[in-house]
Amino acid sequence: MEEANKFINGDEVISINDKENNVLINHHTYKAEEFLSRLGKHIDRNKKEIWIDKGVPCKMLSPNQQWQKGKIKICLQFIPDRPESMLDDIRQENQ
């Protein structure tokens, strides 16, 4: 059973070993809360709560759609790797 994508709220621990793609924090293991806090430092203090917590009122236009009113906010999303099934292993062995 595949896990769904998960929006990260701050309590999770993140480890990014690829130094080239690690941003804002020099070490590779940290809490999501620390990352969001560092990101917030690059946003005007008055706008941080809106952009990270509440969302900024906006309109969005998607292809072949009408304008839609809503909010946009900055968040982290975890997308788990899809584990290979046993059937995939059997198929590879039979090739």
PDB file of N, CA and C in Angstrom:
ATOM      1  N   MET A   1       0.846  -1.181   0.000  1.00  0.00           N
ATOM      2  CA  MET A   1       0.000   0.000   0.000  1.00  0.00           C
ATOM      3  C   MET A   1       0.889   1.241   0.000  1.00  0.00           C
ATOM      4  N   GLU A   2       0.656   2.136  -0.971  1.00  0.00           N
ATOM      5  CA  GLU A   2       1.475   3.343  -1.079  1.00  0.00           C
ATOM      6  C   GLU A   2       1.051   4.385  -0.065  1.00  0.00           C
ATOM      7  N   GLU A   3       2.034   5.080   0.494  1.00  0.00           N
ATOM      8  CA  GLU A   3       1.728   6.191   1.381  1.00  0.00           C
ATOM      9  C   GLU A   3       1.413   7.408   0.534  1.00  0.00           C
ATOM     10  N   ALA A   4       0.502   8.217   1.021  1.00  0.00           N
ATOM     11  CA  ALA A   4       0.140   9.441   0.320  1.00  0.00           C
ATOM     12  C   ALA A   4       1.170  10.524   0.611  1.00  0.00           C
ATOM     13  N   ASN A   5       1.199  11.530  -0.256  1.00  0.00           N
ATOM     14  CA  ASN A   5       2.044  12.689   0.008  1.00  0.00           C
ATOM     15  C   ASN A   5       1.617  13.297   1.329  1.00  0.00           C
ATOM     16  N   LYS A   6       2.550  13.877   2.045  1.00  0.00           N
ATOM     17  CA  LYS A   6       2.264  14.396   3.375  1.00  0.00           C
ATOM     18  C   LYS A   6       2.766  15.827   3.484  1.00  0.00           C
ATOM     19  N   PHE A   7       1.883  16.718   3.926  1.00  0.00           N
ATOM     20  CA  PHE A   7       2.317  18.073   4.199  1.00  0.00           C
ATOM     21  C   PHE A   7       2.975  18.076   5.571  1.00  0.00           C
ATOM     22  N   ILE A   8       4.126  18.687   5.662  1.00  0.00           N
ATOM     23  CA  ILE A   8       4.948  18.657   6.869  1.00  0.00           C
ATOM     24  C   ILE A   8       4.589  19.834   7.757  1.00  0.00           C
ATOM     25  N   ASN A   9       4.400  19.564   9.063  1.00  0.00           N
ATOM     26  CA  ASN A   9       3.952  20.623   9.967  1.00  0.00           C
ATOM     27  C   ASN A   9       5.041  21.195  10.857  1.00  0.00           C
ATOM     28  N   GLY A  10       6.216  20.603  10.900  1.00  0.00           N
ATOM     29  CA  GLY A  10       7.300  21.169  11.683  1.00  0.00           C
ATOM     30  C   GLY A  10       7.942  20.205  12.661  1.00  0.00           C
ATOM     31  N   ASP A  11       7.251  19.158  13.088  1.00  0.00           N
ATOM     32  CA  ASP A  11       7.800  18.222  14.065  1.00  0.00           C
ATOM     33  C   ASP A  11       8.696  17.156  13.434  1.00  0.00           C
ATOM     34  N   GLU A  12       8.579  16.970  12.146  1.00  0.00           N
ATOM     35  CA  GLU A  12       9.336  15.929  11.465  1.00  0.00           C
ATOM     36  C   GLU A  12      10.814  16.296  11.353  1.00  0.00           C
ATOM     37  N   VAL A  13      11.654  15.280  11.254  1.00  0.00           N
ATOM     38  CA  VAL A  13      13.092  15.480  11.050  1.00  0.00           C
ATOM     39  C   VAL A  13      13.395  15.174   9.593  1.00  0.00           C
ATOM     40  N   ILE A  14      14.164  16.049   8.971  1.00  0.00           N
ATOM     41  CA  ILE A  14      14.516  15.930   7.561  1.00  0.00           C
ATOM     42  C   ILE A  14      16.017  15.700   7.464  1.00  0.00           C
ATOM     43  N   SER A  15      16.429  14.807   6.567  1.00  0.00           N
ATOM     44  CA  SER A  15      17.848  14.594   6.305  1.00  0.00           C
ATOM     45  C   SER A  15      18.071  14.678   4.805  1.00  0.00           C
ATOM     46  N   ILE A  16      18.909  15.631   4.384  1.00  0.00           N
ATOM     47  CA  ILE A  16      19.228  15.819   2.974  1.00  0.00           C
ATOM     48  C   ILE A  16      20.731  15.688   2.826  1.00  0.00           C
ATOM     49  N   ASN A  17      21.176  14.581   2.277  1.00  0.00           N
ATOM     50  CA  ASN A  17      22.611  14.321   2.153  1.00  0.00           C
ATOM     51  C   ASN A  17      23.247  15.004   0.946  1.00  0.00           C
ATOM     52  N   ASP A  18      22.450  15.428   0.000  1.00  0.00           N
ATOM     53  CA  ASP A  18      22.953  16.087  -1.202  1.00  0.00           C
ATOM     54  C   ASP A  18      23.248  17.558  -0.887  1.00  0.00           C
ATOM     55  N   LYS A  19      24.512  17.870  -0.602  1.00  0.00           N
ATOM     56  CA  LYS A  19      24.900  19.232  -0.202  1.00  0.00           C
ATOM     57  C   LYS A  19      24.538  20.266  -1.258  1.00  0.00           C
ATOM     58  N   GLU A  20      24.570  19.866  -2.506  1.00  0.00           N
ATOM     59  CA  GLU A  20      24.285  20.797  -3.592  1.00  0.00           C
ATOM     60  C   GLU A  20      22.831  21.288  -3.553  1.00  0.00           C
ATOM     61  N   ASN A  21      21.915  20.440  -3.095  1.00  0.00           N
ATOM     62  CA  ASN A  21      20.500  20.810  -3.057  1.00  0.00           C
ATOM     63  C   ASN A  21      20.006  21.196  -1.672  1.00  0.00           C
ATOM     64  N   ASN A  22      20.872  21.217  -0.698  1.00  0.00           N
ATOM     65  CA  ASN A  22      20.490  21.618   0.651  1.00  0.00           C
ATOM     66  C   ASN A  22      20.556  23.141   0.722  1.00  0.00           C
ATOM     67  N   VAL A  23      19.472  23.787   1.113  1.00  0.00           N
ATOM     68  CA  VAL A  23      19.438  25.247   1.160  1.00  0.00           C
ATOM     69  C   VAL A  23      19.085  25.731   2.564  1.00  0.00           C
ATOM     70  N   LEU A  24      19.502  26.910   2.870  1.00  0.00           N
ATOM     71  CA  LEU A  24      19.201  27.637   4.104  1.00  0.00           C
ATOM     72  C   LEU A  24      19.918  27.123   5.347  1.00  0.00           C
ATOM     73  N   ILE A  25      20.227  25.830   5.431  1.00  0.00           N
ATOM     74  CA  ILE A  25      20.841  25.255   6.620  1.00  0.00           C
ATOM     75  C   ILE A  25      22.086  24.489   6.185  1.00  0.00           C
ATOM     76  N   ASN A  26      23.198  24.691   6.905  1.00  0.00           N
ATOM     77  CA  ASN A  26      24.472  24.087   6.498  1.00  0.00           C
ATOM     78  C   ASN A  26      24.588  22.602   6.819  1.00  0.00           C
ATOM     79  N   HIS A  27      23.915  22.126   7.848  1.00  0.00           N
ATOM     80  CA  HIS A  27      24.006  20.704   8.175  1.00  0.00           C
ATOM     81  C   HIS A  27      22.881  19.943   7.475  1.00  0.00           C
ATOM     82  N   HIS A  28      23.013  18.621   7.388  1.00  0.00           N
ATOM     83  CA  HIS A  28      22.081  17.862   6.554  1.00  0.00           C
ATOM     84  C   HIS A  28      20.900  17.243   7.300  1.00  0.00           C
ATOM     85  N   THR A  29      20.857  17.311   8.614  1.00  0.00           N
ATOM     86  CA  THR A  29      19.722  16.767   9.355  1.00  0.00           C
ATOM     87  C   THR A  29      19.174  17.843  10.282  1.00  0.00           C
ATOM     88  N   TYR A  30      17.872  18.112  10.168  1.00  0.00           N
ATOM     89  CA  TYR A  30      17.253  19.160  10.964  1.00  0.00           C
ATOM     90  C   TYR A  30      15.742  18.951  10.992  1.00  0.00           C
ATOM     91  N   LYS A  31      15.111  19.610  11.959  1.00  0.00           N
ATOM     92  CA  LYS A  31      13.654  19.538  12.037  1.00  0.00           C
ATOM     93  C   LYS A  31      13.053  20.451  10.973  1.00  0.00           C
ATOM     94  N   ALA A  32      11.920  20.056  10.464  1.00  0.00           N
ATOM     95  CA  ALA A  32      11.217  20.869   9.475  1.00  0.00           C
ATOM     96  C   ALA A  32      10.931  22.255  10.034  1.00  0.00           C
ATOM     97  N   GLU A  33      10.652  22.317  11.324  1.00  0.00           N
ATOM     98  CA  GLU A  33      10.386  23.580  12.001  1.00  0.00           C
ATOM     99  C   GLU A  33      11.578  24.544  11.844  1.00  0.00           C
ATOM    100  N   GLU A  34      12.803  24.018  11.953  1.00  0.00           N
ATOM    101  CA  GLU A  34      14.004  24.843  11.797  1.00  0.00           C
ATOM    102  C   GLU A  34      14.100  25.380  10.367  1.00  0.00           C
ATOM    103  N   PHE A  35      13.803  24.530   9.405  1.00  0.00           N
ATOM    104  CA  PHE A  35      13.837  24.947   8.003  1.00  0.00           C
ATOM    105  C   PHE A  35      12.816  26.060   7.752  1.00  0.00           C
ATOM    106  N   LEU A  36      11.587  25.855   8.236  1.00  0.00           N
ATOM    107  CA  LEU A  36      10.543  26.856   8.035  1.00  0.00           C
ATOM    108  C   LEU A  36      10.893  28.164   8.743  1.00  0.00           C
ATOM    109  N   SER A  37      11.522  28.059   9.906  1.00  0.00           N
ATOM    110  CA  SER A  37      11.939  29.249  10.640  1.00  0.00           C
ATOM    111  C   SER A  37      12.995  30.022   9.847  1.00  0.00           C
ATOM    112  N   ARG A  38      13.981  29.306   9.300  1.00  0.00           N
ATOM    113  CA  ARG A  38      15.025  29.956   8.496  1.00  0.00           C
ATOM    114  C   ARG A  38      14.429  30.587   7.246  1.00  0.00           C
ATOM    115  N   LEU A  39      13.484  29.882   6.643  1.00  0.00           N
ATOM    116  CA  LEU A  39      12.822  30.421   5.465  1.00  0.00           C
ATOM    117  C   LEU A  39      12.084  31.702   5.836  1.00  0.00           C
ATOM    118  N   GLY A  40      11.434  31.683   6.984  1.00  0.00           N
ATOM    119  CA  GLY A  40      10.706  32.853   7.462  1.00  0.00           C
ATOM    120  C   GLY A  40      11.585  34.063   7.665  1.00  0.00           C
ATOM    121  N   LYS A  41      12.861  33.862   7.994  1.00  0.00           N
ATOM    122  CA  LYS A  41      13.783  34.977   8.193  1.00  0.00           C
ATOM    123  C   LYS A  41      14.049  35.730   6.895  1.00  0.00           C
ATOM    124  N   HIS A  42      13.794  35.081   5.776  1.00  0.00           N
ATOM    125  CA  HIS A  42      14.007  35.716   4.478  1.00  0.00           C
ATOM    126  C   HIS A  42      12.739  36.414   3.978  1.00  0.00           C
ATOM    127  N   ILE A  43      11.694  36.319   4.774  1.00  0.00           N
ATOM    128  CA  ILE A  43      10.434  36.982   4.444  1.00  0.00           C
ATOM    129  C   ILE A  43      10.239  38.093   5.476  1.00  0.00           C
ATOM    130  N   ASP A  44       9.784  39.226   5.022  1.00  0.00           N
ATOM    131  CA  ASP A  44       9.514  40.338   5.928  1.00  0.00           C
ATOM    132  C   ASP A  44       8.726  39.841   7.142  1.00  0.00           C
ATOM    133  N   ARG A  45       9.162  40.258   8.321  1.00  0.00           N
ATOM    134  CA  ARG A  45       8.580  39.776   9.585  1.00  0.00           C
ATOM    135  C   ARG A  45       7.058  39.917   9.614  1.00  0.00           C
ATOM    136  N   ASN A  46       6.547  41.013   9.087  1.00  0.00           N
ATOM    137  CA  ASN A  46       5.110  41.253   9.093  1.00  0.00           C
ATOM    138  C   ASN A  46       4.363  40.304   8.150  1.00  0.00           C
ATOM    139  N   LYS A  47       5.048  39.801   7.149  1.00  0.00           N
ATOM    140  CA  LYS A  47       4.397  38.947   6.164  1.00  0.00           C
ATOM    141  C   LYS A  47       4.605  37.464   6.437  1.00  0.00           C
ATOM    142  N   LYS A  48       5.526  37.128   7.347  1.00  0.00           N
ATOM    143  CA  LYS A  48       5.860  35.725   7.630  1.00  0.00           C
ATOM    144  C   LYS A  48       4.636  34.914   8.061  1.00  0.00           C
ATOM    145  N   GLU A  49       3.883  35.421   9.024  1.00  0.00           N
ATOM    146  CA  GLU A  49       2.726  34.684   9.539  1.00  0.00           C
ATOM    147  C   GLU A  49       1.708  34.430   8.430  1.00  0.00           C
ATOM    148  N   ILE A  50       1.527  35.415   7.580  1.00  0.00           N
ATOM    149  CA  ILE A  50       0.555  35.251   6.497  1.00  0.00           C
ATOM    150  C   ILE A  50       1.045  34.233   5.476  1.00  0.00           C
ATOM    151  N   TRP A  51       2.302  34.352   5.019  1.00  0.00           N
ATOM    152  CA  TRP A  51       2.807  33.485   3.955  1.00  0.00           C
ATOM    153  C   TRP A  51       3.006  32.035   4.418  1.00  0.00           C
ATOM    154  N   ILE A  52       3.357  31.825   5.689  1.00  0.00           N
ATOM    155  CA  ILE A  52       3.647  30.463   6.153  1.00  0.00           C
ATOM    156  C   ILE A  52       2.463  29.851   6.898  1.00  0.00           C
ATOM    157  N   ASP A  53       1.749  30.626   7.688  1.00  0.00           N
ATOM    158  CA  ASP A  53       0.693  30.059   8.523  1.00  0.00           C
ATOM    159  C   ASP A  53      -0.717  30.209   7.944  1.00  0.00           C
ATOM    160  N   LYS A  54      -1.077  31.431   7.599  1.00  0.00           N
ATOM    161  CA  LYS A  54      -2.467  31.706   7.221  1.00  0.00           C
ATOM    162  C   LYS A  54      -2.740  31.583   5.727  1.00  0.00           C
ATOM    163  N   GLY A  55      -1.817  32.026   4.915  1.00  0.00           N
ATOM    164  CA  GLY A  55      -2.034  32.052   3.473  1.00  0.00           C
ATOM    165  C   GLY A  55      -2.406  33.453   3.019  1.00  0.00           C
ATOM    166  N   VAL A  56      -1.985  33.790   1.829  1.00  0.00           N
ATOM    167  CA  VAL A  56      -2.221  35.101   1.243  1.00  0.00           C
ATOM    168  C   VAL A  56      -3.393  34.987   0.270  1.00  0.00           C
ATOM    169  N   PRO A  57      -4.427  35.811   0.453  1.00  0.00           N
ATOM    170  CA  PRO A  57      -5.552  35.769  -0.489  1.00  0.00           C
ATOM    171  C   PRO A  57      -5.061  36.037  -1.911  1.00  0.00           C
ATOM    172  N   CYS A  58      -5.581  35.274  -2.852  1.00  0.00           N
ATOM    173  CA  CYS A  58      -5.150  35.421  -4.239  1.00  0.00           C
ATOM    174  C   CYS A  58      -6.203  34.837  -5.172  1.00  0.00           C
ATOM    175  N   LYS A  59      -5.934  34.949  -6.449  1.00  0.00           N
ATOM    176  CA  LYS A  59      -6.709  34.252  -7.467  1.00  0.00           C
ATOM    177  C   LYS A  59      -5.722  33.419  -8.264  1.00  0.00           C
ATOM    178  N   MET A  60      -6.147  32.243  -8.715  1.00  0.00           N
ATOM    179  CA  MET A  60      -5.278  31.359  -9.474  1.00  0.00           C
ATOM    180  C   MET A  60      -5.976  30.982 -10.771  1.00  0.00           C
ATOM    181  N   LEU A  61      -5.203  30.967 -11.850  1.00  0.00           N
ATOM    182  CA  LEU A  61      -5.722  30.561 -13.148  1.00  0.00           C
ATOM    183  C   LEU A  61      -4.998  29.300 -13.581  1.00  0.00           C
ATOM    184  N   SER A  62      -5.712  28.202 -13.686  1.00  0.00           N
ATOM    185  CA  SER A  62      -5.157  26.935 -14.163  1.00  0.00           C
ATOM    186  C   SER A  62      -5.559  26.749 -15.622  1.00  0.00           C
ATOM    187  N   PRO A  63      -4.764  25.994 -16.401  1.00  0.00           N
ATOM    188  CA  PRO A  63      -5.110  25.764 -17.802  1.00  0.00           C
ATOM    189  C   PRO A  63      -6.543  25.213 -17.948  1.00  0.00           C
ATOM    190  N   ASN A  64      -7.261  25.766 -18.897  1.00  0.00           N
ATOM    191  CA  ASN A  64      -8.631  25.326 -19.215  1.00  0.00           C
ATOM    192  C   ASN A  64      -9.599  25.481 -18.047  1.00  0.00           C
ATOM    193  N   GLN A  65      -9.323  26.413 -17.138  1.00  0.00           N
ATOM    194  CA  GLN A  65     -10.182  26.652 -15.975  1.00  0.00           C
ATOM    195  C   GLN A  65     -10.496  28.146 -15.892  1.00  0.00           C
ATOM    196  N   GLN A  66     -11.435  28.482 -15.039  1.00  0.00           N
ATOM    197  CA  GLN A  66     -11.743  29.875 -14.724  1.00  0.00           C
ATOM    198  C   GLN A  66     -10.853  30.318 -13.568  1.00  0.00           C
ATOM    199  N   TRP A  67     -10.748  31.625 -13.364  1.00  0.00           N
ATOM    200  CA  TRP A  67     -10.044  32.133 -12.202  1.00  0.00           C
ATOM    201  C   TRP A  67     -10.716  31.587 -10.950  1.00  0.00           C
ATOM    202  N   GLN A  68      -9.908  31.170  -9.967  1.00  0.00           N
ATOM    203  CA  GLN A  68     -10.428  30.627  -8.715  1.00  0.00           C
ATOM    204  C   GLN A  68      -9.847  31.422  -7.557  1.00  0.00           C
ATOM    205  N   LYS A  69     -10.724  31.896  -6.659  1.00  0.00           N
ATOM    206  CA  LYS A  69     -10.260  32.627  -5.477  1.00  0.00           C
ATOM    207  C   LYS A  69      -9.844  31.644  -4.403  1.00  0.00           C
ATOM    208  N   GLY A  70      -8.831  32.013  -3.632  1.00  0.00           N
ATOM    209  CA  GLY A  70      -8.367  31.159  -2.549  1.00  0.00           C
ATOM    210  C   GLY A  70      -7.200  31.808  -1.833  1.00  0.00           C
ATOM    211  N   LYS A  71      -6.345  30.992  -1.273  1.00  0.00           N
ATOM    212  CA  LYS A  71      -5.147  31.460  -0.576  1.00  0.00           C
ATOM    213  C   LYS A  71      -3.957  30.651  -1.052  1.00  0.00           C
ATOM    214  N   ILE A  72      -2.795  31.275  -0.993  1.00  0.00           N
ATOM    215  CA  ILE A  72      -1.553  30.583  -1.310  1.00  0.00           C
ATOM    216  C   ILE A  72      -0.636  30.734  -0.103  1.00  0.00           C
ATOM    217  N   LYS A  73       0.090  29.652   0.245  1.00  0.00           N
ATOM    218  CA  LYS A  73       1.041  29.742   1.343  1.00  0.00           C
ATOM    219  C   LYS A  73       2.227  28.828   1.074  1.00  0.00           C
ATOM    220  N   ILE A  74       3.311  29.127   1.758  1.00  0.00           N
ATOM    221  CA  ILE A  74       4.534  28.350   1.626  1.00  0.00           C
ATOM    222  C   ILE A  74       4.446  27.172   2.590  1.00  0.00           C
ATOM    223  N   CYS A  75       4.724  25.975   2.089  1.00  0.00           N
ATOM    224  CA  CYS A  75       4.710  24.789   2.951  1.00  0.00           C
ATOM    225  C   CYS A  75       5.704  23.769   2.416  1.00  0.00           C
ATOM    226  N   LEU A  76       5.995  22.779   3.228  1.00  0.00           N
ATOM    227  CA  LEU A  76       6.841  21.662   2.819  1.00  0.00           C
ATOM    228  C   LEU A  76       5.946  20.460   2.578  1.00  0.00           C
ATOM    229  N   GLN A  77       6.274  19.671   1.580  1.00  0.00           N
ATOM    230  CA  GLN A  77       5.513  18.469   1.282  1.00  0.00           C
ATOM    231  C   GLN A  77       6.479  17.311   1.105  1.00  0.00           C
ATOM    232  N   PHE A  78       6.219  16.209   1.793  1.00  0.00           N
ATOM    233  CA  PHE A  78       7.031  15.000   1.667  1.00  0.00           C
ATOM    234  C   PHE A  78       6.348  14.062   0.686  1.00  0.00           C
ATOM    235  N   ILE A  79       7.110  13.578  -0.296  1.00  0.00           N
ATOM    236  CA  ILE A  79       6.596  12.648  -1.293  1.00  0.00           C
ATOM    237  C   ILE A  79       7.407  11.365  -1.160  1.00  0.00           C
ATOM    238  N   PRO A  80       6.821  10.310  -0.567  1.00  0.00           N
ATOM    239  CA  PRO A  80       7.585   9.075  -0.347  1.00  0.00           C
ATOM    240  C   PRO A  80       7.928   8.381  -1.654  1.00  0.00           C
ATOM    241  N   ASP A  81       9.099   7.734  -1.675  1.00  0.00           N
ATOM    242  CA  ASP A  81       9.462   6.903  -2.815  1.00  0.00           C
ATOM    243  C   ASP A  81       8.470   5.760  -2.897  1.00  0.00           C
ATOM    244  N   ARG A  82       8.144   5.360  -4.100  1.00  0.00           N
ATOM    245  CA  ARG A  82       7.230   4.244  -4.286  1.00  0.00           C
ATOM    246  C   ARG A  82       8.002   2.952  -4.080  1.00  0.00           C
ATOM    247  N   PRO A  83       7.639   2.182  -3.058  1.00  0.00           N
ATOM    248  CA  PRO A  83       8.349   0.920  -2.859  1.00  0.00           C
ATOM    249  C   PRO A  83       8.025  -0.050  -3.988  1.00  0.00           C
ATOM    250  N   GLU A  84       9.031  -0.787  -4.400  1.00  0.00           N
ATOM    251  CA  GLU A  84       8.805  -1.773  -5.444  1.00  0.00           C
ATOM    252  C   GLU A  84       7.984  -2.922  -4.874  1.00  0.00           C
ATOM    253  N   SER A  85       7.089  -3.407  -5.676  1.00  0.00           N
ATOM    254  CA  SER A  85       6.259  -4.518  -5.229  1.00  0.00           C
ATOM    255  C   SER A  85       6.986  -5.827  -5.489  1.00  0.00           C
ATOM    256  N   MET A  86       6.512  -6.883  -4.875  1.00  0.00           N
ATOM    257  CA  MET A  86       7.095  -8.208  -5.102  1.00  0.00           C
ATOM    258  C   MET A  86       6.935  -8.605  -6.556  1.00  0.00           C
ATOM    259  N   LEU A  87       5.847  -8.173  -7.201  1.00  0.00           N
ATOM    260  CA  LEU A  87       5.644  -8.492  -8.617  1.00  0.00           C
ATOM    261  C   LEU A  87       6.725  -7.863  -9.478  1.00  0.00           C
ATOM    262  N   ASP A  88       7.147  -6.641  -9.146  1.00  0.00           N
ATOM    263  CA  ASP A  88       8.222  -5.992  -9.892  1.00  0.00           C
ATOM    264  C   ASP A  88       9.510  -6.814  -9.795  1.00  0.00           C
ATOM    265  N   ASP A  89       9.813  -7.339  -8.608  1.00  0.00           N
ATOM    266  CA  ASP A  89      10.999  -8.175  -8.414  1.00  0.00           C
ATOM    267  C   ASP A  89      10.932  -9.425  -9.275  1.00  0.00           C
ATOM    268  N   ILE A  90       9.770 -10.072  -9.310  1.00  0.00           N
ATOM    269  CA  ILE A  90       9.593 -11.300 -10.104  1.00  0.00           C
ATOM    270  C   ILE A  90       9.732 -10.993 -11.590  1.00  0.00           C
ATOM    271  N   ARG A  91       9.155  -9.890 -12.021  1.00  0.00           N
ATOM    272  CA  ARG A  91       9.255  -9.497 -13.447  1.00  0.00           C
ATOM    273  C   ARG A  91      10.707  -9.263 -13.844  1.00  0.00           C
ATOM    274  N   GLN A  92      11.480  -8.618 -12.978  1.00  0.00           N
ATOM    275  CA  GLN A  92      12.875  -8.352 -13.291  1.00  0.00           C
ATOM    276  C   GLN A  92      13.683  -9.631 -13.354  1.00  0.00           C
ATOM    277  N   GLU A  93      13.369 -10.584 -12.480  1.00  0.00           N
ATOM    278  CA  GLU A  93      14.089 -11.867 -12.474  1.00  0.00           C
ATOM    279  C   GLU A  93      13.822 -12.669 -13.730  1.00  0.00           C
ATOM    280  N   ASN A  94      12.610 -12.529 -14.304  1.00  0.00           N
ATOM    281  CA  ASN A  94      12.214 -13.301 -15.477  1.00  0.00           C
ATOM    282  C   ASN A  94      12.642 -12.676 -16.790  1.00  0.00           C
ATOM    283  N   GLN A  95      13.275 -11.544 -16.733  1.00  0.00           N
ATOM    284  CA  GLN A  95      13.695 -10.884 -17.983  1.00  0.00           C
ATOM    285  C   GLN A  95      15.039 -11.381 -18.438  1.00  0.00           C
TER     286      GLN A  95
END
